[in-house]
Amino acid sequence: MSARPLDGQVAIVTGGGKGLGRAFALDLAARGAAVVVNNRNRVVDADGRSAADYVVDEIEAAGGTAVADYGAVEEPETATRLVETAVSRWGRLDICVTSAGISSPQMFHSTTPENLAQVLGVNVTGTALVAAAALKVMREARSGRILLVASTAGLHGEPTVSAYAASKGAVIALGRTVAVEGARRGVLTNVLLPYATTQMTEAGMDPRYAEVMTSESVAPIASALVDPRSTLNGQVVVAGAAGIRVADSVEHGTVRIPDGPLDPETLAALVDESRAGEQHTYPEAQAAFQGFAADLV
């Protein structure tokens, strides 16, 4: 296998200036991809250079190819520009990794409308806009790989970060939807749920595991998922410390509601019976509906 399996490939990485996004951009470039490194300019140095510029410097110093973009992902013009930059500079777009995200912790009962809108705007709208713009180009080319970065908070919930958990749950559902739609045109989409010690997570990371939960240990998994040789589609992959496990949405056994009034005790017993039944996974919601209906009608 080539030491640079992504030679000739062109990638967009949002949130690519720091943490996981930086690790993703560096790893993709090391494998041969040209990378559009997106990171909004929250902080610049005395020379007006930002985190994205420094990642581009690292890539070029290692012999790679990259260009910086400073747009906010929740703004529609950023998505358009990212795709146009890739296509105008290198004539194609093969890979899209949506890593930009914010947390802004607040207890649910204290969540302000402004905080909720900001978190959903960056994490959901920002992810969707960039992925959709990339998908349009990839569908025309009948080839491409999209990786949406979410969180296990979107699977299980997480106290104090209700807006973040809701946003990442939405990203998981979005990724599974895009996977079904894109596969018809050769575009495969997966969702990555990383465990990594970054600026966003370091305060809440268990200190016993902080050192091994590096962004660099997750990056090769991301790169493998967007490799053109990968045939994985619609997968939700939990990754950290150079390990993975796959997550699924599971429905348990179908049980009938008995005739007559339904009281809480009976419903609780039915829930237990369902949990004891056969587990089912589905590629999309209509398949789940058909399976449920077939059991009852």
C-alpha atoms as a PDB file:
ATOM      1  CA  MET A   1       0.000   0.000   0.000  1.00  0.00           C
ATOM      2  CA  SER A   2       1.214   3.497  -0.836  1.00  0.00           C
ATOM      3  CA  ALA A   3       2.564   5.559   2.041  1.00  0.00           C
ATOM      4  CA  ARG A   4       0.385   8.357   0.658  1.00  0.00           C
ATOM      5  CA  PRO A   5      -2.939   6.694  -0.135  1.00  0.00           C
ATOM      6  CA  LEU A   6      -4.732  10.031  -0.549  1.00  0.00           C
ATOM      7  CA  ASP A   7      -2.459  11.442  -3.248  1.00  0.00           C
ATOM      8  CA  GLY A   8      -4.606  13.468  -5.639  1.00  0.00           C
ATOM      9  CA  GLN A   9      -7.506  13.747  -3.194  1.00  0.00           C
ATOM     10  CA  VAL A  10      -8.850  17.123  -2.054  1.00  0.00           C
ATOM     11  CA  ALA A  11     -10.351  17.636   1.404  1.00  0.00           C
ATOM     12  CA  ILE A  12     -12.200  20.255   3.421  1.00  0.00           C
ATOM     13  CA  VAL A  13     -11.819  20.181   7.210  1.00  0.00           C
ATOM     14  CA  THR A  14     -13.908  22.584   9.267  1.00  0.00           C
ATOM     15  CA  GLY A  15     -12.681  23.526  12.720  1.00  0.00           C
ATOM     16  CA  GLY A  16      -9.272  22.576  11.409  1.00  0.00           C
ATOM     17  CA  GLY A  17      -7.221  25.061  13.385  1.00  0.00           C
ATOM     18  CA  LYS A  18      -7.148  23.323  16.745  1.00  0.00           C
ATOM     19  CA  GLY A  19      -7.777  20.070  18.580  1.00  0.00           C
ATOM     20  CA  LEU A  20      -9.411  17.296  16.616  1.00  0.00           C
ATOM     21  CA  GLY A  21      -9.821  19.341  13.445  1.00  0.00           C
ATOM     22  CA  ARG A  22      -6.123  20.180  13.394  1.00  0.00           C
ATOM     23  CA  ALA A  23      -5.227  16.500  13.863  1.00  0.00           C
ATOM     24  CA  PHE A  24      -7.595  15.513  11.060  1.00  0.00           C
ATOM     25  CA  ALA A  25      -6.149  18.089   8.663  1.00  0.00           C
ATOM     26  CA  LEU A  26      -2.540  17.117   9.425  1.00  0.00           C
ATOM     27  CA  ASP A  27      -3.218  13.404   9.038  1.00  0.00           C
ATOM     28  CA  LEU A  28      -5.088  13.827   5.755  1.00  0.00           C
ATOM     29  CA  ALA A  29      -2.266  15.983   4.405  1.00  0.00           C
ATOM     30  CA  ALA A  30       0.355  13.466   5.535  1.00  0.00           C
ATOM     31  CA  ARG A  31      -1.518  10.849   3.501  1.00  0.00           C
ATOM     32  CA  GLY A  32      -1.313  13.047   0.411  1.00  0.00           C
ATOM     33  CA  ALA A  33      -4.555  15.055   0.373  1.00  0.00           C
ATOM     34  CA  ALA A  34      -4.646  18.767  -0.401  1.00  0.00           C
ATOM     35  CA  VAL A  35      -6.595  20.370   2.433  1.00  0.00           C
ATOM     36  CA  VAL A  36      -8.764  23.451   2.837  1.00  0.00           C
ATOM     37  CA  VAL A  37      -8.274  24.198   6.550  1.00  0.00           C
ATOM     38  CA  ASN A  38     -11.242  26.121   7.919  1.00  0.00           C
ATOM     39  CA  ASN A  39     -11.208  27.831  11.306  1.00  0.00           C
ATOM     40  CA  ARG A  40     -12.876  31.090  12.185  1.00  0.00           C
ATOM     41  CA  ASN A  41     -10.571  33.927  13.277  1.00  0.00           C
ATOM     42  CA  ARG A  42     -11.361  34.163  16.964  1.00  0.00           C
ATOM     43  CA  VAL A  43      -7.753  34.947  17.892  1.00  0.00           C
ATOM     44  CA  VAL A  44      -4.961  36.294  15.709  1.00  0.00           C
ATOM     45  CA  ASP A  45      -1.345  37.027  16.558  1.00  0.00           C
ATOM     46  CA  ALA A  46       0.550  40.279  16.115  1.00  0.00           C
ATOM     47  CA  ASP A  47       0.957  39.519  12.417  1.00  0.00           C
ATOM     48  CA  GLY A  48      -2.778  38.898  11.939  1.00  0.00           C
ATOM     49  CA  ARG A  49      -2.299  35.145  11.558  1.00  0.00           C
ATOM     50  CA  SER A  50      -4.746  32.668  13.040  1.00  0.00           C
ATOM     51  CA  ALA A  51      -4.891  29.010  14.006  1.00  0.00           C
ATOM     52  CA  ALA A  52      -5.777  27.946  10.455  1.00  0.00           C
ATOM     53  CA  ASP A  53      -2.703  29.711   9.094  1.00  0.00           C
ATOM     54  CA  TYR A  54      -0.428  27.852  11.469  1.00  0.00           C
ATOM     55  CA  VAL A  55      -1.907  24.484  10.520  1.00  0.00           C
ATOM     56  CA  VAL A  56      -1.337  25.335   6.862  1.00  0.00           C
ATOM     57  CA  ASP A  57       2.266  26.199   7.756  1.00  0.00           C
ATOM     58  CA  GLU A  58       2.702  22.803   9.441  1.00  0.00           C
ATOM     59  CA  ILE A  59       1.293  20.996   6.433  1.00  0.00           C
ATOM     60  CA  GLU A  60       3.465  22.866   3.948  1.00  0.00           C
ATOM     61  CA  ALA A  61       6.581  22.461   6.104  1.00  0.00           C
ATOM     62  CA  ALA A  62       6.014  18.696   5.924  1.00  0.00           C
ATOM     63  CA  GLY A  63       5.751  18.831   2.132  1.00  0.00           C
ATOM     64  CA  GLY A  64       1.968  18.924   1.904  1.00  0.00           C
ATOM     65  CA  THR A  65      -0.509  21.276   0.264  1.00  0.00           C
ATOM     66  CA  ALA A  66      -3.108  23.375   2.072  1.00  0.00           C
ATOM     67  CA  VAL A  67      -4.924  26.689   2.149  1.00  0.00           C
ATOM     68  CA  ALA A  68      -6.618  28.469   5.054  1.00  0.00           C
ATOM     69  CA  ASP A  69     -10.208  29.658   5.299  1.00  0.00           C
ATOM     70  CA  TYR A  70     -11.515  31.830   8.138  1.00  0.00           C
ATOM     71  CA  GLY A  71     -15.283  31.684   7.727  1.00  0.00           C
ATOM     72  CA  ALA A  72     -17.935  30.874  10.318  1.00  0.00           C
ATOM     73  CA  VAL A  73     -19.534  27.589   9.288  1.00  0.00           C
ATOM     74  CA  GLU A  74     -23.040  28.670  10.249  1.00  0.00           C
ATOM     75  CA  GLU A  75     -22.936  31.365   7.555  1.00  0.00           C
ATOM     76  CA  PRO A  76     -24.106  30.006   4.159  1.00  0.00           C
ATOM     77  CA  GLU A  77     -21.426  31.874   2.220  1.00  0.00           C
ATOM     78  CA  THR A  78     -18.721  29.942   4.093  1.00  0.00           C
ATOM     79  CA  ALA A  79     -19.956  26.595   2.784  1.00  0.00           C
ATOM     80  CA  THR A  80     -20.119  27.921  -0.760  1.00  0.00           C
ATOM     81  CA  ARG A  81     -16.642  29.437  -0.529  1.00  0.00           C
ATOM     82  CA  LEU A  82     -15.062  26.297   0.951  1.00  0.00           C
ATOM     83  CA  VAL A  83     -16.277  24.173  -1.937  1.00  0.00           C
ATOM     84  CA  GLU A  84     -15.391  26.802  -4.524  1.00  0.00           C
ATOM     85  CA  THR A  85     -11.889  27.100  -3.047  1.00  0.00           C
ATOM     86  CA  ALA A  86     -11.296  23.367  -3.332  1.00  0.00           C
ATOM     87  CA  VAL A  87     -12.622  23.126  -6.887  1.00  0.00           C
ATOM     88  CA  SER A  88     -10.985  26.303  -8.210  1.00  0.00           C
ATOM     89  CA  ARG A  89      -7.549  25.473  -6.767  1.00  0.00           C
ATOM     90  CA  TRP A  90      -7.409  21.730  -7.357  1.00  0.00           C
ATOM     91  CA  GLY A  91     -10.264  20.941  -9.720  1.00  0.00           C
ATOM     92  CA  ARG A  92     -12.162  18.566  -7.451  1.00  0.00           C
ATOM     93  CA  LEU A  93     -13.489  17.793  -3.986  1.00  0.00           C
ATOM     94  CA  ASP A  94     -13.253  14.275  -2.591  1.00  0.00           C
ATOM     95  CA  ILE A  95     -13.442  14.552   1.202  1.00  0.00           C
ATOM     96  CA  CYS A  96     -15.418  16.661   3.653  1.00  0.00           C
ATOM     97  CA  VAL A  97     -14.844  16.468   7.418  1.00  0.00           C
ATOM     98  CA  THR A  98     -17.120  18.662   9.535  1.00  0.00           C
ATOM     99  CA  SER A  99     -15.256  19.086  12.802  1.00  0.00           C
ATOM    100  CA  ALA A 100     -16.220  22.647  13.788  1.00  0.00           C
ATOM    101  CA  GLY A 101     -18.227  22.737  17.003  1.00  0.00           C
ATOM    102  CA  ILE A 102     -18.863  24.553  20.271  1.00  0.00           C
ATOM    103  CA  SER A 103     -20.221  23.454  23.649  1.00  0.00           C
ATOM    104  CA  SER A 104     -21.211  26.489  25.822  1.00  0.00           C
ATOM    105  CA  PRO A 105     -22.364  24.467  28.861  1.00  0.00           C
ATOM    106  CA  GLN A 106     -25.559  25.467  30.632  1.00  0.00           C
ATOM    107  CA  MET A 107     -28.032  23.498  32.735  1.00  0.00           C
ATOM    108  CA  PHE A 108     -31.166  22.909  30.704  1.00  0.00           C
ATOM    109  CA  HIS A 109     -33.455  24.960  32.952  1.00  0.00           C
ATOM    110  CA  SER A 110     -31.000  27.862  32.663  1.00  0.00           C
ATOM    111  CA  THR A 111     -30.346  27.643  28.934  1.00  0.00           C
ATOM    112  CA  THR A 112     -30.892  30.994  27.266  1.00  0.00           C
ATOM    113  CA  PRO A 113     -32.409  31.313  23.806  1.00  0.00           C
ATOM    114  CA  GLU A 114     -29.199  32.974  22.642  1.00  0.00           C
ATOM    115  CA  ASN A 115     -27.019  30.104  23.871  1.00  0.00           C
ATOM    116  CA  LEU A 116     -29.291  27.482  22.336  1.00  0.00           C
ATOM    117  CA  ALA A 117     -29.352  29.285  19.000  1.00  0.00           C
ATOM    118  CA  GLN A 118     -25.580  29.703  18.949  1.00  0.00           C
ATOM    119  CA  VAL A 119     -24.805  26.053  19.732  1.00  0.00           C
ATOM    120  CA  LEU A 120     -27.369  24.705  17.265  1.00  0.00           C
ATOM    121  CA  GLY A 121     -26.230  27.232  14.676  1.00  0.00           C
ATOM    122  CA  VAL A 122     -22.592  26.157  14.723  1.00  0.00           C
ATOM    123  CA  ASN A 123     -23.014  22.447  15.405  1.00  0.00           C
ATOM    124  CA  VAL A 124     -26.096  21.619  13.348  1.00  0.00           C
ATOM    125  CA  THR A 125     -26.568  24.350  10.751  1.00  0.00           C
ATOM    126  CA  GLY A 126     -22.818  24.734  10.238  1.00  0.00           C
ATOM    127  CA  THR A 127     -22.395  21.002   9.754  1.00  0.00           C
ATOM    128  CA  ALA A 128     -25.380  20.723   7.430  1.00  0.00           C
ATOM    129  CA  LEU A 129     -24.486  23.684   5.226  1.00  0.00           C
ATOM    130  CA  VAL A 130     -20.926  22.538   4.587  1.00  0.00           C
ATOM    131  CA  ALA A 131     -21.871  18.883   4.087  1.00  0.00           C
ATOM    132  CA  ALA A 132     -24.691  19.802   1.703  1.00  0.00           C
ATOM    133  CA  ALA A 133     -22.445  22.031  -0.398  1.00  0.00           C
ATOM    134  CA  ALA A 134     -19.844  19.275  -0.574  1.00  0.00           C
ATOM    135  CA  LEU A 135     -22.452  16.636  -1.408  1.00  0.00           C
ATOM    136  CA  LYS A 136     -23.666  18.576  -4.438  1.00  0.00           C
ATOM    137  CA  VAL A 137     -20.212  18.486  -6.016  1.00  0.00           C
ATOM    138  CA  MET A 138     -19.565  14.895  -5.009  1.00  0.00           C
ATOM    139  CA  ARG A 139     -22.897  13.690  -6.423  1.00  0.00           C
ATOM    140  CA  GLU A 140     -22.000  15.190  -9.790  1.00  0.00           C
ATOM    141  CA  ALA A 141     -18.639  13.424  -9.666  1.00  0.00           C
ATOM    142  CA  ARG A 142     -20.359  10.232  -8.424  1.00  0.00           C
ATOM    143  CA  SER A 143     -17.649   9.873  -5.808  1.00  0.00           C
ATOM    144  CA  GLY A 144     -16.830  11.277  -2.394  1.00  0.00           C
ATOM    145  CA  ARG A 145     -16.542  10.686   1.323  1.00  0.00           C
ATOM    146  CA  ILE A 146     -18.189  12.762   4.068  1.00  0.00           C
ATOM    147  CA  LEU A 147     -17.428  12.455   7.771  1.00  0.00           C
ATOM    148  CA  LEU A 148     -19.601  14.275  10.292  1.00  0.00           C
ATOM    149  CA  VAL A 149     -18.063  14.679  13.736  1.00  0.00           C
ATOM    150  CA  ALA A 150     -20.592  14.304  16.562  1.00  0.00           C
ATOM    151  CA  SER A 151     -20.354  13.092  20.165  1.00  0.00           C
ATOM    152  CA  THR A 152     -21.561  10.330  22.441  1.00  0.00           C
ATOM    153  CA  ALA A 153     -23.467  13.130  24.191  1.00  0.00           C
ATOM    154  CA  GLY A 154     -25.750  12.940  21.171  1.00  0.00           C
ATOM    155  CA  LEU A 155     -26.340   9.242  21.832  1.00  0.00           C
ATOM    156  CA  HIS A 156     -26.731   9.201  25.588  1.00  0.00           C
ATOM    157  CA  GLY A 157     -27.295  12.795  26.667  1.00  0.00           C
ATOM    158  CA  GLU A 158     -24.982  14.589  29.075  1.00  0.00           C
ATOM    159  CA  PRO A 159     -25.837  16.776  32.075  1.00  0.00           C
ATOM    160  CA  THR A 160     -24.968  20.493  31.866  1.00  0.00           C
ATOM    161  CA  VAL A 161     -24.567  20.472  28.073  1.00  0.00           C
ATOM    162  CA  SER A 162     -28.148  20.012  26.911  1.00  0.00           C
ATOM    163  CA  ALA A 163     -27.798  22.221  23.839  1.00  0.00           C
ATOM    164  CA  TYR A 164     -24.578  20.470  22.820  1.00  0.00           C
ATOM    165  CA  ALA A 165     -26.105  17.010  23.340  1.00  0.00           C
ATOM    166  CA  ALA A 166     -29.174  17.956  21.307  1.00  0.00           C
ATOM    167  CA  SER A 167     -27.020  19.328  18.506  1.00  0.00           C
ATOM    168  CA  LYS A 168     -24.837  16.246  18.306  1.00  0.00           C
ATOM    169  CA  GLY A 169     -27.878  13.964  18.301  1.00  0.00           C
ATOM    170  CA  ALA A 170     -29.096  15.926  15.310  1.00  0.00           C
ATOM    171  CA  VAL A 171     -25.738  15.473  13.575  1.00  0.00           C
ATOM    172  CA  ILE A 172     -25.916  11.705  14.069  1.00  0.00           C
ATOM    173  CA  ALA A 173     -29.389  11.575  12.516  1.00  0.00           C
ATOM    174  CA  LEU A 174     -28.243  13.857   9.708  1.00  0.00           C
ATOM    175  CA  GLY A 175     -25.267  11.641   8.929  1.00  0.00           C
ATOM    176  CA  ARG A 176     -27.373   8.496   8.699  1.00  0.00           C
ATOM    177  CA  THR A 177     -29.797  10.304   6.390  1.00  0.00           C
ATOM    178  CA  VAL A 178     -27.079  11.649   4.109  1.00  0.00           C
ATOM    179  CA  ALA A 179     -25.533   8.168   3.971  1.00  0.00           C
ATOM    180  CA  VAL A 180     -28.713   6.715   2.456  1.00  0.00           C
ATOM    181  CA  GLU A 181     -29.176   9.566  -0.004  1.00  0.00           C
ATOM    182  CA  GLY A 182     -25.548   9.844  -1.098  1.00  0.00           C
ATOM    183  CA  ALA A 183     -24.880   6.143  -1.631  1.00  0.00           C
ATOM    184  CA  ARG A 184     -26.992   6.198  -4.791  1.00  0.00           C
ATOM    185  CA  ARG A 185     -24.390   8.518  -6.324  1.00  0.00           C
ATOM    186  CA  GLY A 186     -21.243   6.974  -4.918  1.00  0.00           C
ATOM    187  CA  VAL A 187     -20.953   9.335  -1.926  1.00  0.00           C
ATOM    188  CA  LEU A 188     -20.482   7.559   1.402  1.00  0.00           C
ATOM    189  CA  THR A 189     -21.078   9.236   4.750  1.00  0.00           C
ATOM    190  CA  ASN A 190     -20.212   8.169   8.275  1.00  0.00           C
ATOM    191  CA  VAL A 191     -20.343   9.756  11.731  1.00  0.00           C
ATOM    192  CA  LEU A 192     -17.412   9.865  14.152  1.00  0.00           C
ATOM    193  CA  LEU A 193     -17.914  10.207  17.920  1.00  0.00           C
ATOM    194  CA  PRO A 194     -14.422  10.970  19.261  1.00  0.00           C
ATOM    195  CA  TYR A 195     -13.067  10.910  22.789  1.00  0.00           C
ATOM    196  CA  ALA A 196     -10.174  13.354  22.923  1.00  0.00           C
ATOM    197  CA  THR A 197      -8.640  15.837  25.341  1.00  0.00           C
ATOM    198  CA  THR A 198      -9.038  19.226  23.671  1.00  0.00           C
ATOM    199  CA  GLN A 199      -9.694  22.813  24.739  1.00  0.00           C
ATOM    200  CA  MET A 200     -13.401  21.985  24.723  1.00  0.00           C
ATOM    201  CA  THR A 201     -13.181  18.777  26.753  1.00  0.00           C
ATOM    202  CA  GLU A 202     -10.158  19.083  29.023  1.00  0.00           C
ATOM    203  CA  ALA A 203     -12.093  20.505  31.993  1.00  0.00           C
ATOM    204  CA  GLY A 204     -14.441  17.524  32.058  1.00  0.00           C
ATOM    205  CA  MET A 205     -12.028  14.783  30.977  1.00  0.00           C
ATOM    206  CA  ASP A 206     -11.298  12.092  33.568  1.00  0.00           C
ATOM    207  CA  PRO A 207      -7.651  12.766  34.502  1.00  0.00           C
ATOM    208  CA  ARG A 208      -6.920   9.027  34.488  1.00  0.00           C
ATOM    209  CA  TYR A 209      -7.411   8.952  30.737  1.00  0.00           C
ATOM    210  CA  ALA A 210      -6.531  12.473  29.624  1.00  0.00           C
ATOM    211  CA  GLU A 211      -3.052  11.657  28.357  1.00  0.00           C
ATOM    212  CA  VAL A 212      -4.065   8.720  26.162  1.00  0.00           C
ATOM    213  CA  MET A 213      -7.199  10.364  24.738  1.00  0.00           C
ATOM    214  CA  THR A 214      -5.314  12.395  22.165  1.00  0.00           C
ATOM    215  CA  SER A 215      -6.640  13.951  18.994  1.00  0.00           C
ATOM    216  CA  GLU A 216      -3.770  12.313  17.117  1.00  0.00           C
ATOM    217  CA  SER A 217      -4.959   8.835  18.115  1.00  0.00           C
ATOM    218  CA  VAL A 218      -8.377   9.504  16.553  1.00  0.00           C
ATOM    219  CA  ALA A 219      -7.124  11.090  13.326  1.00  0.00           C
ATOM    220  CA  PRO A 220      -6.103   7.841  11.538  1.00  0.00           C
ATOM    221  CA  ILE A 221      -9.625   6.486  12.063  1.00  0.00           C
ATOM    222  CA  ALA A 222     -11.093   9.591  10.466  1.00  0.00           C
ATOM    223  CA  SER A 223      -8.684   9.318   7.541  1.00  0.00           C
ATOM    224  CA  ALA A 224      -9.534   5.660   6.980  1.00  0.00           C
ATOM    225  CA  LEU A 225     -13.253   6.476   6.931  1.00  0.00           C
ATOM    226  CA  VAL A 226     -12.786   9.066   4.176  1.00  0.00           C
ATOM    227  CA  ASP A 227     -10.305   7.026   2.145  1.00  0.00           C
ATOM    228  CA  PRO A 228     -11.762   6.391  -1.347  1.00  0.00           C
ATOM    229  CA  ARG A 229     -11.169   2.666  -0.816  1.00  0.00           C
ATOM    230  CA  SER A 230     -13.494   2.618   2.193  1.00  0.00           C
ATOM    231  CA  THR A 231     -16.885   0.992   1.609  1.00  0.00           C
ATOM    232  CA  LEU A 232     -18.330   1.843   5.028  1.00  0.00           C
ATOM    233  CA  ASN A 233     -21.513   3.890   4.899  1.00  0.00           C
ATOM    234  CA  GLY A 234     -23.972   5.046   7.540  1.00  0.00           C
ATOM    235  CA  GLN A 235     -21.752   3.875  10.384  1.00  0.00           C
ATOM    236  CA  VAL A 236     -21.578   5.638  13.744  1.00  0.00           C
ATOM    237  CA  VAL A 237     -18.083   5.023  15.104  1.00  0.00           C
ATOM    238  CA  VAL A 238     -16.952   5.825  18.646  1.00  0.00           C
ATOM    239  CA  ALA A 239     -13.176   6.374  18.747  1.00  0.00           C
ATOM    240  CA  GLY A 240     -10.509   7.221  21.288  1.00  0.00           C
ATOM    241  CA  ALA A 241      -7.033   6.152  22.423  1.00  0.00           C
ATOM    242  CA  ALA A 242      -6.538   4.246  19.146  1.00  0.00           C
ATOM    243  CA  GLY A 243      -9.637   2.092  19.680  1.00  0.00           C
ATOM    244  CA  ILE A 244     -13.135   2.048  18.219  1.00  0.00           C
ATOM    245  CA  ARG A 245     -16.564   0.645  18.840  1.00  0.00           C
ATOM    246  CA  VAL A 246     -19.620   0.910  16.638  1.00  0.00           C
ATOM    247  CA  ALA A 247     -22.862   2.444  17.888  1.00  0.00           C
ATOM    248  CA  ASP A 248     -26.356   1.714  16.614  1.00  0.00           C
ATOM    249  CA  SER A 249     -29.867   2.945  17.170  1.00  0.00           C
ATOM    250  CA  VAL A 250     -31.661  -0.132  18.498  1.00  0.00           C
ATOM    251  CA  GLU A 251     -35.350  -1.005  18.680  1.00  0.00           C
ATOM    252  CA  HIS A 252     -36.310  -3.974  20.835  1.00  0.00           C
ATOM    253  CA  GLY A 253     -39.139  -6.470  20.490  1.00  0.00           C
ATOM    254  CA  THR A 254     -42.632  -5.439  19.421  1.00  0.00           C
ATOM    255  CA  VAL A 255     -45.361  -6.175  21.989  1.00  0.00           C
ATOM    256  CA  ARG A 256     -49.111  -5.702  21.730  1.00  0.00           C
ATOM    257  CA  ILE A 257     -51.045  -3.467  24.082  1.00  0.00           C
ATOM    258  CA  PRO A 258     -53.812  -5.504  25.769  1.00  0.00           C
ATOM    259  CA  ASP A 259     -57.448  -4.526  25.417  1.00  0.00           C
ATOM    260  CA  GLY A 260     -58.898  -2.205  28.017  1.00  0.00           C
ATOM    261  CA  PRO A 261     -57.510   0.815  29.877  1.00  0.00           C
ATOM    262  CA  LEU A 262     -53.720   1.118  29.903  1.00  0.00           C
ATOM    263  CA  ASP A 263     -52.351   1.889  33.347  1.00  0.00           C
ATOM    264  CA  PRO A 264     -48.744   2.799  34.258  1.00  0.00           C
ATOM    265  CA  GLU A 265     -47.983  -0.615  35.760  1.00  0.00           C
ATOM    266  CA  THR A 266     -49.092  -2.425  32.610  1.00  0.00           C
ATOM    267  CA  LEU A 267     -47.078  -0.054  30.432  1.00  0.00           C
ATOM    268  CA  ALA A 268     -43.977  -0.645  32.568  1.00  0.00           C
ATOM    269  CA  ALA A 269     -44.426  -4.391  32.152  1.00  0.00           C
ATOM    270  CA  LEU A 270     -44.773  -3.988  28.389  1.00  0.00           C
ATOM    271  CA  VAL A 271     -41.551  -1.950  28.297  1.00  0.00           C
ATOM    272  CA  ASP A 272     -39.739  -4.749  30.156  1.00  0.00           C
ATOM    273  CA  GLU A 273     -41.171  -7.316  27.744  1.00  0.00           C
ATOM    274  CA  SER A 274     -40.031  -5.274  24.750  1.00  0.00           C
ATOM    275  CA  ARG A 275     -36.528  -4.930  26.182  1.00  0.00           C
ATOM    276  CA  ALA A 276     -36.343  -8.695  26.614  1.00  0.00           C
ATOM    277  CA  GLY A 277     -37.249  -9.211  22.962  1.00  0.00           C
ATOM    278  CA  GLU A 278     -35.157  -9.380  19.826  1.00  0.00           C
ATOM    279  CA  GLN A 279     -33.072  -6.312  18.998  1.00  0.00           C
ATOM    280  CA  HIS A 280     -33.441  -4.639  15.610  1.00  0.00           C
ATOM    281  CA  THR A 281     -31.353  -2.087  13.745  1.00  0.00           C
ATOM    282  CA  TYR A 282     -32.463  -0.302  10.594  1.00  0.00           C
ATOM    283  CA  PRO A 283     -30.736   1.714   7.866  1.00  0.00           C
ATOM    284  CA  GLU A 284     -33.419   4.429   7.978  1.00  0.00           C
ATOM    285  CA  ALA A 285     -36.774   5.326   9.499  1.00  0.00           C
ATOM    286  CA  GLN A 286     -39.063   3.889   6.815  1.00  0.00           C
ATOM    287  CA  ALA A 287     -37.472   0.477   7.232  1.00  0.00           C
ATOM    288  CA  ALA A 288     -38.092   0.743  10.975  1.00  0.00           C
ATOM    289  CA  PHE A 289     -41.744   1.639  10.371  1.00  0.00           C
ATOM    290  CA  GLN A 290     -42.238  -1.280   8.002  1.00  0.00           C
ATOM    291  CA  GLY A 291     -40.754  -3.679  10.533  1.00  0.00           C
ATOM    292  CA  PHE A 292     -42.964  -2.332  13.323  1.00  0.00           C
ATOM    293  CA  ALA A 293     -46.125  -2.378  11.232  1.00  0.00           C
ATOM    294  CA  ALA A 294     -45.473  -5.907   9.952  1.00  0.00           C
ATOM    295  CA  ASP A 295     -45.345  -7.176  13.535  1.00  0.00           C
ATOM    296  CA  LEU A 296     -48.769  -5.741  14.349  1.00  0.00           C
ATOM    297  CA  VAL A 297     -50.890  -5.708  11.189  1.00  0.00           C
END
